[in-house]
């Protein structure tokens, strides 16, 4: 069965918000699995859970068919990447990095810490960003174009 994930591309001052779990050395965009809801509603819920913020979901930018390994299991997912706007008065904008507790983990996980970091778009290649196609795609977001990506399992890193 396909795993359906909704993902936030949050950009502020030429920086994009990423997160990483305490157990991994890579960075991903915030988001998560749908729970019998529409895609945008799922993203709003995920941002409320992960960031504690009421966001505005803007444009769909990427649809990715992404196969990857997660903790030794193959995941076959469809991912919807949207630009997302934080509230104007969000305190997260002024913080270079911050931590939050993810209380609603997937796959029966216990709550865990997420570290969030604003990464300059021009420096994405300096970080291990997964899925890897994001480094290029996030540097080339254009107008109202929606990019479709097919990404097979990567052998060296999970995701």
N, C-alpha and C. Protein backbone atom coordinates (compact mmCIF):
# COMPACT_ATOMS: atom_id res chain seq x y z
N UNK A 1 0.84 -1.18 0.00
CA UNK A 1 0.00 0.00 0.00
C UNK A 1 0.89 1.24 0.00
N UNK A 2 0.49 2.23 -0.75
CA UNK A 2 1.23 3.49 -0.82
C UNK A 2 1.07 4.28 0.47
N UNK A 3 2.19 4.83 0.91
CA UNK A 3 2.22 5.75 2.04
C UNK A 3 2.03 7.14 1.43
N UNK A 4 1.06 7.91 1.93
CA UNK A 4 0.81 9.25 1.38
C UNK A 4 1.27 10.27 2.40
N UNK A 5 2.18 11.15 1.96
CA UNK A 5 2.80 12.13 2.86
C UNK A 5 2.57 13.53 2.31
N UNK A 6 2.33 14.46 3.20
CA UNK A 6 2.17 15.86 2.83
C UNK A 6 3.31 16.64 3.50
N UNK A 7 3.91 17.58 2.76
CA UNK A 7 5.18 18.18 3.16
C UNK A 7 5.14 19.70 3.01
N UNK A 8 5.78 20.39 3.96
CA UNK A 8 5.81 21.86 3.96
C UNK A 8 7.15 22.38 3.47
N UNK A 9 7.09 23.30 2.52
CA UNK A 9 8.26 24.07 2.11
C UNK A 9 8.05 25.46 2.70
N UNK A 10 8.73 25.74 3.81
CA UNK A 10 8.56 27.02 4.51
C UNK A 10 9.81 27.85 4.25
N UNK A 11 9.64 28.94 3.52
CA UNK A 11 10.76 29.79 3.13
C UNK A 11 10.61 31.15 3.81
N UNK A 12 11.73 31.63 4.37
CA UNK A 12 11.76 32.98 4.95
C UNK A 12 13.17 33.53 4.77
N UNK A 13 13.28 34.71 4.18
CA UNK A 13 14.58 35.37 3.97
C UNK A 13 15.60 34.44 3.32
N UNK A 14 15.20 33.80 2.23
CA UNK A 14 16.08 32.89 1.47
C UNK A 14 16.56 31.69 2.28
N UNK A 15 15.82 31.32 3.31
CA UNK A 15 16.13 30.14 4.09
C UNK A 15 14.89 29.24 4.12
N UNK A 16 15.15 27.94 4.22
CA UNK A 16 14.08 26.95 4.26
C UNK A 16 14.17 26.21 5.59
N UNK A 17 13.01 25.94 6.19
CA UNK A 17 12.95 25.25 7.48
C UNK A 17 13.01 23.74 7.27
N UNK A 18 14.01 23.11 7.88
CA UNK A 18 14.18 21.66 7.86
C UNK A 18 14.13 21.13 9.29
N UNK A 19 13.96 19.82 9.42
CA UNK A 19 14.08 19.22 10.74
C UNK A 19 14.86 17.91 10.66
N UNK A 20 15.36 17.50 11.83
CA UNK A 20 16.10 16.26 11.95
C UNK A 20 15.74 15.63 13.28
N UNK A 21 15.72 14.32 13.30
CA UNK A 21 15.47 13.58 14.53
C UNK A 21 16.79 13.37 15.25
N UNK A 22 16.72 13.18 16.54
CA UNK A 22 17.93 12.95 17.33
C UNK A 22 18.66 11.68 16.89
N UNK A 23 17.98 10.77 16.20
CA UNK A 23 18.57 9.50 15.82
C UNK A 23 19.26 9.52 14.45
N UNK A 24 19.15 10.61 13.70
CA UNK A 24 19.65 10.62 12.33
C UNK A 24 20.55 11.82 12.07
N UNK A 25 21.38 11.68 11.03
CA UNK A 25 22.32 12.74 10.66
C UNK A 25 21.88 13.49 9.40
N UNK A 26 20.64 13.32 8.99
CA UNK A 26 20.15 14.01 7.81
C UNK A 26 19.01 14.95 8.16
N UNK A 27 18.68 15.83 7.21
CA UNK A 27 17.62 16.84 7.36
C UNK A 27 16.53 16.58 6.35
N UNK A 28 15.28 16.77 6.76
CA UNK A 28 14.13 16.64 5.87
C UNK A 28 13.19 17.82 6.09
N UNK A 29 12.29 17.99 5.16
CA UNK A 29 11.26 19.02 5.32
C UNK A 29 10.19 18.50 6.27
N UNK A 30 9.59 19.39 7.06
CA UNK A 30 8.53 18.95 7.98
C UNK A 30 7.28 18.50 7.22
N UNK A 31 6.58 17.57 7.82
CA UNK A 31 5.36 17.05 7.23
C UNK A 31 5.06 15.70 7.82
N UNK A 32 4.14 14.98 7.19
CA UNK A 32 3.81 13.66 7.71
C UNK A 32 2.73 12.98 6.93
N UNK A 33 2.34 11.83 7.44
CA UNK A 33 1.35 10.98 6.78
C UNK A 33 -0.06 11.54 6.94
N UNK A 34 -0.87 11.29 5.93
CA UNK A 34 -2.29 11.66 6.01
C UNK A 34 -3.05 10.69 6.90
N UNK A 35 -4.08 11.21 7.55
CA UNK A 35 -4.91 10.41 8.43
C UNK A 35 -6.37 10.56 8.02
N UNK A 36 -6.76 9.93 6.94
CA UNK A 36 -8.14 9.98 6.44
C UNK A 36 -8.64 11.42 6.34
N UNK A 37 -7.83 12.26 5.67
CA UNK A 37 -8.14 13.69 5.54
C UNK A 37 -7.65 14.16 4.18
N UNK A 38 -8.09 15.34 3.79
CA UNK A 38 -7.59 15.93 2.56
C UNK A 38 -6.14 16.36 2.75
N UNK A 39 -5.40 16.45 1.66
CA UNK A 39 -3.96 16.69 1.73
C UNK A 39 -3.62 18.00 2.44
N UNK A 40 -4.26 19.10 2.08
CA UNK A 40 -3.96 20.38 2.72
C UNK A 40 -4.35 20.36 4.20
N UNK A 41 -5.47 19.74 4.53
CA UNK A 41 -5.89 19.65 5.93
C UNK A 41 -4.87 18.84 6.73
N UNK A 42 -4.33 17.79 6.13
CA UNK A 42 -3.30 16.99 6.78
C UNK A 42 -2.04 17.79 7.04
N UNK A 43 -1.68 18.64 6.10
CA UNK A 43 -0.48 19.47 6.28
C UNK A 43 -0.69 20.50 7.39
N UNK A 44 -1.85 21.08 7.43
CA UNK A 44 -2.16 22.03 8.51
C UNK A 44 -2.09 21.33 9.86
N UNK A 45 -2.65 20.13 9.95
CA UNK A 45 -2.59 19.35 11.20
C UNK A 45 -1.15 19.01 11.56
N UNK A 46 -0.38 18.56 10.59
CA UNK A 46 1.02 18.21 10.85
C UNK A 46 1.81 19.41 11.37
N UNK A 47 1.59 20.58 10.80
CA UNK A 47 2.33 21.77 11.24
C UNK A 47 1.89 22.19 12.64
N UNK A 48 0.62 21.98 12.95
CA UNK A 48 0.14 22.26 14.30
C UNK A 48 0.83 21.31 15.28
N UNK A 49 0.93 20.02 14.91
CA UNK A 49 1.58 19.03 15.77
C UNK A 49 3.08 19.27 15.90
N UNK A 50 3.75 19.55 14.79
CA UNK A 50 5.21 19.66 14.81
C UNK A 50 5.71 21.04 15.24
N UNK A 51 5.03 22.09 14.81
CA UNK A 51 5.50 23.45 15.07
C UNK A 51 4.68 24.21 16.10
N UNK A 52 3.47 23.74 16.36
CA UNK A 52 2.59 24.48 17.25
C UNK A 52 2.09 25.77 16.61
N UNK A 53 2.01 25.79 15.29
CA UNK A 53 1.62 27.00 14.53
C UNK A 53 0.44 26.69 13.62
N UNK A 54 -0.40 27.69 13.42
CA UNK A 54 -1.48 27.62 12.43
C UNK A 54 -0.93 28.22 11.15
N UNK A 55 -0.70 27.40 10.16
CA UNK A 55 -0.07 27.85 8.92
C UNK A 55 -1.11 28.03 7.82
N UNK A 56 -0.67 28.68 6.75
CA UNK A 56 -1.48 28.80 5.54
C UNK A 56 -0.78 28.01 4.44
N UNK A 57 -1.48 27.04 3.88
CA UNK A 57 -0.93 26.23 2.79
C UNK A 57 -1.15 26.99 1.49
N UNK A 58 -0.08 27.16 0.73
CA UNK A 58 -0.12 27.93 -0.52
C UNK A 58 -0.13 27.00 -1.72
N UNK A 59 0.92 27.04 -2.53
CA UNK A 59 0.95 26.34 -3.82
C UNK A 59 1.59 24.96 -3.74
N UNK A 60 1.01 24.02 -4.48
CA UNK A 60 1.62 22.72 -4.68
C UNK A 60 2.81 22.90 -5.60
N UNK A 61 4.00 22.42 -5.19
CA UNK A 61 5.21 22.60 -5.98
C UNK A 61 5.78 21.30 -6.53
N UNK A 62 5.69 20.23 -5.74
CA UNK A 62 6.29 18.95 -6.15
C UNK A 62 5.35 17.82 -5.78
N UNK A 63 5.20 16.88 -6.71
CA UNK A 63 4.59 15.58 -6.43
C UNK A 63 5.68 14.57 -6.66
N UNK A 64 6.00 13.80 -5.63
CA UNK A 64 7.09 12.82 -5.75
C UNK A 64 6.59 11.42 -5.46
N UNK A 65 6.92 10.51 -6.35
CA UNK A 65 6.76 9.08 -6.09
C UNK A 65 8.12 8.65 -5.56
N UNK A 66 8.18 8.35 -4.28
CA UNK A 66 9.46 8.19 -3.60
C UNK A 66 9.52 6.83 -2.92
N UNK A 67 10.47 6.00 -3.35
CA UNK A 67 10.71 4.71 -2.69
C UNK A 67 12.01 4.85 -1.92
N UNK A 68 11.95 4.50 -0.61
CA UNK A 68 13.15 4.62 0.21
C UNK A 68 13.11 3.60 1.34
N UNK A 69 14.26 3.44 2.00
CA UNK A 69 14.35 2.55 3.14
C UNK A 69 14.20 3.36 4.41
N UNK A 70 13.38 2.88 5.33
CA UNK A 70 13.21 3.52 6.63
C UNK A 70 13.31 2.43 7.67
N UNK A 71 14.37 2.49 8.47
CA UNK A 71 14.63 1.49 9.51
C UNK A 71 14.58 0.07 8.96
N UNK A 72 15.18 -0.09 7.77
CA UNK A 72 15.30 -1.40 7.16
C UNK A 72 14.10 -1.85 6.35
N UNK A 73 13.02 -1.09 6.34
CA UNK A 73 11.83 -1.46 5.56
C UNK A 73 11.69 -0.54 4.35
N UNK A 74 11.24 -1.12 3.25
CA UNK A 74 11.00 -0.32 2.06
C UNK A 74 9.68 0.44 2.21
N UNK A 75 9.73 1.73 1.97
CA UNK A 75 8.54 2.57 1.99
C UNK A 75 8.29 3.03 0.56
N UNK A 76 7.07 2.89 0.11
CA UNK A 76 6.65 3.31 -1.23
C UNK A 76 5.65 4.44 -1.02
N UNK A 77 6.09 5.68 -1.24
CA UNK A 77 5.23 6.80 -0.89
C UNK A 77 4.95 7.73 -2.06
N UNK A 78 3.86 8.42 -1.92
CA UNK A 78 3.53 9.56 -2.78
C UNK A 78 3.56 10.77 -1.86
N UNK A 79 4.32 11.79 -2.26
CA UNK A 79 4.53 12.95 -1.41
C UNK A 79 4.10 14.22 -2.13
N UNK A 80 3.37 15.06 -1.42
CA UNK A 80 2.87 16.32 -1.96
C UNK A 80 3.56 17.46 -1.21
N UNK A 81 4.38 18.24 -1.92
CA UNK A 81 5.16 19.32 -1.33
C UNK A 81 4.50 20.66 -1.65
N UNK A 82 4.11 21.38 -0.61
CA UNK A 82 3.44 22.68 -0.75
C UNK A 82 4.29 23.78 -0.14
N UNK A 83 4.24 24.97 -0.73
CA UNK A 83 4.78 26.12 -0.02
C UNK A 83 3.80 26.44 1.09
N UNK A 84 4.35 26.84 2.23
CA UNK A 84 3.55 27.09 3.43
C UNK A 84 4.01 28.40 4.05
N UNK A 85 3.06 29.15 4.56
CA UNK A 85 3.36 30.44 5.19
C UNK A 85 3.09 30.34 6.68
N UNK A 86 4.10 30.74 7.47
CA UNK A 86 3.91 30.84 8.92
C UNK A 86 3.16 32.13 9.22
N UNK A 87 2.52 32.22 10.39
CA UNK A 87 1.87 33.47 10.76
C UNK A 87 2.91 34.60 10.83
N UNK A 88 2.48 35.82 10.53
CA UNK A 88 3.39 36.98 10.55
C UNK A 88 4.06 37.16 11.90
N UNK A 89 3.37 36.84 12.98
CA UNK A 89 3.92 37.04 14.33
C UNK A 89 4.59 35.79 14.89
N UNK A 90 4.92 34.82 14.04
CA UNK A 90 5.53 33.58 14.51
C UNK A 90 6.90 33.84 15.12
N UNK A 91 7.11 33.33 16.31
CA UNK A 91 8.43 33.46 16.96
C UNK A 91 9.46 32.54 16.31
N UNK A 92 9.03 31.57 15.53
CA UNK A 92 9.95 30.63 14.90
C UNK A 92 10.82 31.30 13.84
N UNK A 93 10.32 32.38 13.25
CA UNK A 93 11.04 33.06 12.18
C UNK A 93 12.37 33.63 12.68
N UNK A 94 12.40 34.11 13.91
CA UNK A 94 13.59 34.76 14.45
C UNK A 94 14.61 33.78 15.02
N UNK A 95 14.26 32.50 15.12
CA UNK A 95 15.16 31.52 15.72
C UNK A 95 15.92 30.76 14.63
N UNK A 96 17.26 30.75 14.71
CA UNK A 96 18.05 30.00 13.73
C UNK A 96 17.78 28.51 13.81
N UNK A 97 17.59 28.02 15.04
CA UNK A 97 17.24 26.62 15.24
C UNK A 97 16.44 26.51 16.55
N UNK A 98 15.69 25.44 16.66
CA UNK A 98 14.88 25.21 17.85
C UNK A 98 14.50 23.74 17.90
N UNK A 99 14.04 23.27 19.04
CA UNK A 99 13.62 21.88 19.18
C UNK A 99 12.15 21.82 19.57
N UNK A 100 11.52 20.75 19.15
CA UNK A 100 10.12 20.47 19.49
C UNK A 100 10.00 18.97 19.73
N UNK A 101 9.00 18.57 20.48
CA UNK A 101 8.75 17.16 20.72
C UNK A 101 7.71 16.67 19.71
N UNK A 102 8.05 15.62 18.98
CA UNK A 102 7.11 14.96 18.07
C UNK A 102 6.38 13.91 18.89
N UNK A 103 5.13 14.18 19.22
CA UNK A 103 4.36 13.27 20.07
C UNK A 103 3.54 12.27 19.29
N UNK A 104 3.41 12.48 17.98
CA UNK A 104 2.53 11.64 17.19
C UNK A 104 3.33 10.89 16.13
N UNK A 105 4.32 10.11 16.57
CA UNK A 105 5.19 9.40 15.64
C UNK A 105 4.46 8.36 14.83
N UNK A 106 5.02 8.07 13.66
CA UNK A 106 4.48 7.03 12.81
C UNK A 106 5.00 5.67 13.28
N UNK A 107 4.40 4.62 12.81
CA UNK A 107 4.87 3.26 13.04
C UNK A 107 5.00 2.96 14.53
N UNK A 108 4.05 3.44 15.35
CA UNK A 108 4.01 3.17 16.79
C UNK A 108 5.24 3.66 17.54
N UNK A 109 5.84 4.73 17.08
CA UNK A 109 7.02 5.28 17.75
C UNK A 109 6.62 6.04 19.01
N UNK A 110 7.54 6.06 19.95
CA UNK A 110 7.38 6.87 21.16
C UNK A 110 7.66 8.33 20.79
N UNK A 111 7.21 9.29 21.61
CA UNK A 111 7.54 10.69 21.35
C UNK A 111 9.07 10.88 21.28
N UNK A 112 9.51 11.79 20.43
CA UNK A 112 10.94 12.04 20.26
C UNK A 112 11.17 13.50 19.91
N UNK A 113 12.42 13.93 20.10
CA UNK A 113 12.78 15.33 19.84
C UNK A 113 13.09 15.54 18.36
N UNK A 114 12.61 16.65 17.84
CA UNK A 114 12.97 17.10 16.50
C UNK A 114 13.74 18.41 16.63
N UNK A 115 14.84 18.51 15.92
CA UNK A 115 15.59 19.76 15.85
C UNK A 115 15.24 20.43 14.53
N UNK A 116 14.81 21.67 14.60
CA UNK A 116 14.48 22.44 13.40
C UNK A 116 15.60 23.44 13.14
N UNK A 117 15.87 23.68 11.86
CA UNK A 117 16.94 24.59 11.48
C UNK A 117 16.57 25.29 10.18
N UNK A 118 16.82 26.60 10.15
CA UNK A 118 16.65 27.37 8.91
C UNK A 118 17.96 27.23 8.13
N UNK A 119 17.89 26.70 6.92
CA UNK A 119 19.08 26.50 6.09
C UNK A 119 18.97 27.39 4.86
N UNK A 120 20.03 28.16 4.63
CA UNK A 120 20.08 29.06 3.48
C UNK A 120 19.99 28.24 2.19
N UNK A 121 19.14 28.67 1.28
CA UNK A 121 18.92 27.95 0.02
C UNK A 121 20.23 27.75 -0.72
N UNK A 122 21.11 28.74 -0.70
CA UNK A 122 22.38 28.63 -1.42
C UNK A 122 23.35 27.64 -0.77
N UNK A 123 23.06 27.17 0.44
CA UNK A 123 23.96 26.26 1.15
C UNK A 123 23.38 24.86 1.34
N UNK A 124 22.31 24.54 0.64
CA UNK A 124 21.66 23.24 0.82
C UNK A 124 22.61 22.08 0.54
N UNK A 125 23.48 22.24 -0.45
CA UNK A 125 24.41 21.16 -0.82
C UNK A 125 25.41 20.84 0.29
N UNK A 126 25.56 21.71 1.26
CA UNK A 126 26.48 21.49 2.37
C UNK A 126 25.88 20.57 3.44
N UNK A 127 24.61 20.26 3.33
CA UNK A 127 23.91 19.43 4.31
C UNK A 127 23.45 18.13 3.66
N UNK A 128 23.29 17.10 4.47
CA UNK A 128 22.70 15.86 3.98
C UNK A 128 21.18 16.03 4.07
N UNK A 129 20.59 16.38 2.93
CA UNK A 129 19.15 16.62 2.82
C UNK A 129 18.53 15.42 2.12
N UNK A 130 17.48 14.87 2.71
CA UNK A 130 16.79 13.74 2.10
C UNK A 130 15.31 14.05 1.94
N UNK A 131 14.69 13.57 0.88
CA UNK A 131 15.30 12.90 -0.24
C UNK A 131 16.26 13.85 -0.98
N UNK A 132 17.26 13.26 -1.60
CA UNK A 132 18.34 14.03 -2.21
C UNK A 132 17.89 14.97 -3.31
N UNK A 133 16.83 14.61 -4.02
CA UNK A 133 16.38 15.48 -5.11
C UNK A 133 15.98 16.87 -4.62
N UNK A 134 15.71 17.01 -3.33
CA UNK A 134 15.27 18.31 -2.81
C UNK A 134 16.33 19.40 -2.94
N UNK A 135 17.60 19.05 -2.84
CA UNK A 135 18.65 20.07 -2.95
C UNK A 135 18.49 20.84 -4.25
N UNK A 136 18.37 20.14 -5.35
CA UNK A 136 18.22 20.78 -6.66
C UNK A 136 16.84 21.41 -6.82
N UNK A 137 15.80 20.67 -6.46
CA UNK A 137 14.44 21.14 -6.71
C UNK A 137 14.11 22.40 -5.90
N UNK A 138 14.57 22.48 -4.67
CA UNK A 138 14.27 23.65 -3.85
C UNK A 138 15.01 24.89 -4.33
N UNK A 139 16.12 24.71 -5.00
CA UNK A 139 16.85 25.84 -5.57
C UNK A 139 16.23 26.31 -6.88
N UNK A 140 15.34 25.50 -7.44
CA UNK A 140 14.77 25.81 -8.75
C UNK A 140 13.25 25.91 -8.74
N UNK A 141 12.65 26.26 -7.62
CA UNK A 141 11.20 26.43 -7.59
C UNK A 141 10.82 27.60 -8.48
N UNK A 142 9.83 27.39 -9.34
CA UNK A 142 9.45 28.43 -10.28
C UNK A 142 7.95 28.65 -10.26
N UNK A 143 7.54 29.89 -10.22
CA UNK A 143 6.15 30.28 -10.39
C UNK A 143 5.14 29.26 -9.94
N UNK A 144 4.19 28.97 -10.83
CA UNK A 144 3.12 28.03 -10.52
C UNK A 144 3.38 26.64 -11.07
N UNK A 145 4.62 26.35 -11.47
CA UNK A 145 4.93 25.03 -12.00
C UNK A 145 4.88 23.97 -10.90
N UNK A 146 4.33 22.80 -11.25
CA UNK A 146 4.36 21.64 -10.37
C UNK A 146 5.27 20.62 -11.01
N UNK A 147 6.25 20.15 -10.24
CA UNK A 147 7.22 19.19 -10.74
C UNK A 147 6.83 17.80 -10.28
N UNK A 148 6.87 16.83 -11.20
CA UNK A 148 6.62 15.43 -10.86
C UNK A 148 7.97 14.71 -10.84
N UNK A 149 8.25 14.00 -9.75
CA UNK A 149 9.53 13.32 -9.59
C UNK A 149 9.27 11.85 -9.28
N UNK A 150 10.03 10.99 -9.95
CA UNK A 150 10.02 9.56 -9.63
C UNK A 150 11.39 9.24 -9.05
N UNK A 151 11.42 8.77 -7.81
CA UNK A 151 12.68 8.54 -7.10
C UNK A 151 12.69 7.12 -6.55
N UNK A 152 13.64 6.31 -7.02
CA UNK A 152 13.77 4.94 -6.53
C UNK A 152 14.63 4.86 -5.30
N UNK A 153 14.64 3.71 -4.67
CA UNK A 153 15.39 3.49 -3.44
C UNK A 153 16.85 3.88 -3.64
N UNK A 154 17.36 4.61 -2.65
CA UNK A 154 18.76 5.00 -2.64
C UNK A 154 19.50 4.06 -1.69
N UNK A 155 20.62 3.56 -2.11
CA UNK A 155 21.33 2.51 -1.36
C UNK A 155 22.12 3.04 -0.16
N UNK A 156 22.68 4.24 -0.24
CA UNK A 156 23.62 4.68 0.79
C UNK A 156 22.99 5.26 2.05
N UNK A 157 21.82 5.84 1.94
CA UNK A 157 21.15 6.45 3.09
C UNK A 157 19.70 6.04 3.08
N UNK A 158 19.11 6.05 4.24
CA UNK A 158 17.68 5.77 4.30
C UNK A 158 16.92 7.02 4.00
N UNK A 159 16.01 6.94 3.06
CA UNK A 159 15.13 7.98 2.58
C UNK A 159 15.73 8.56 1.35
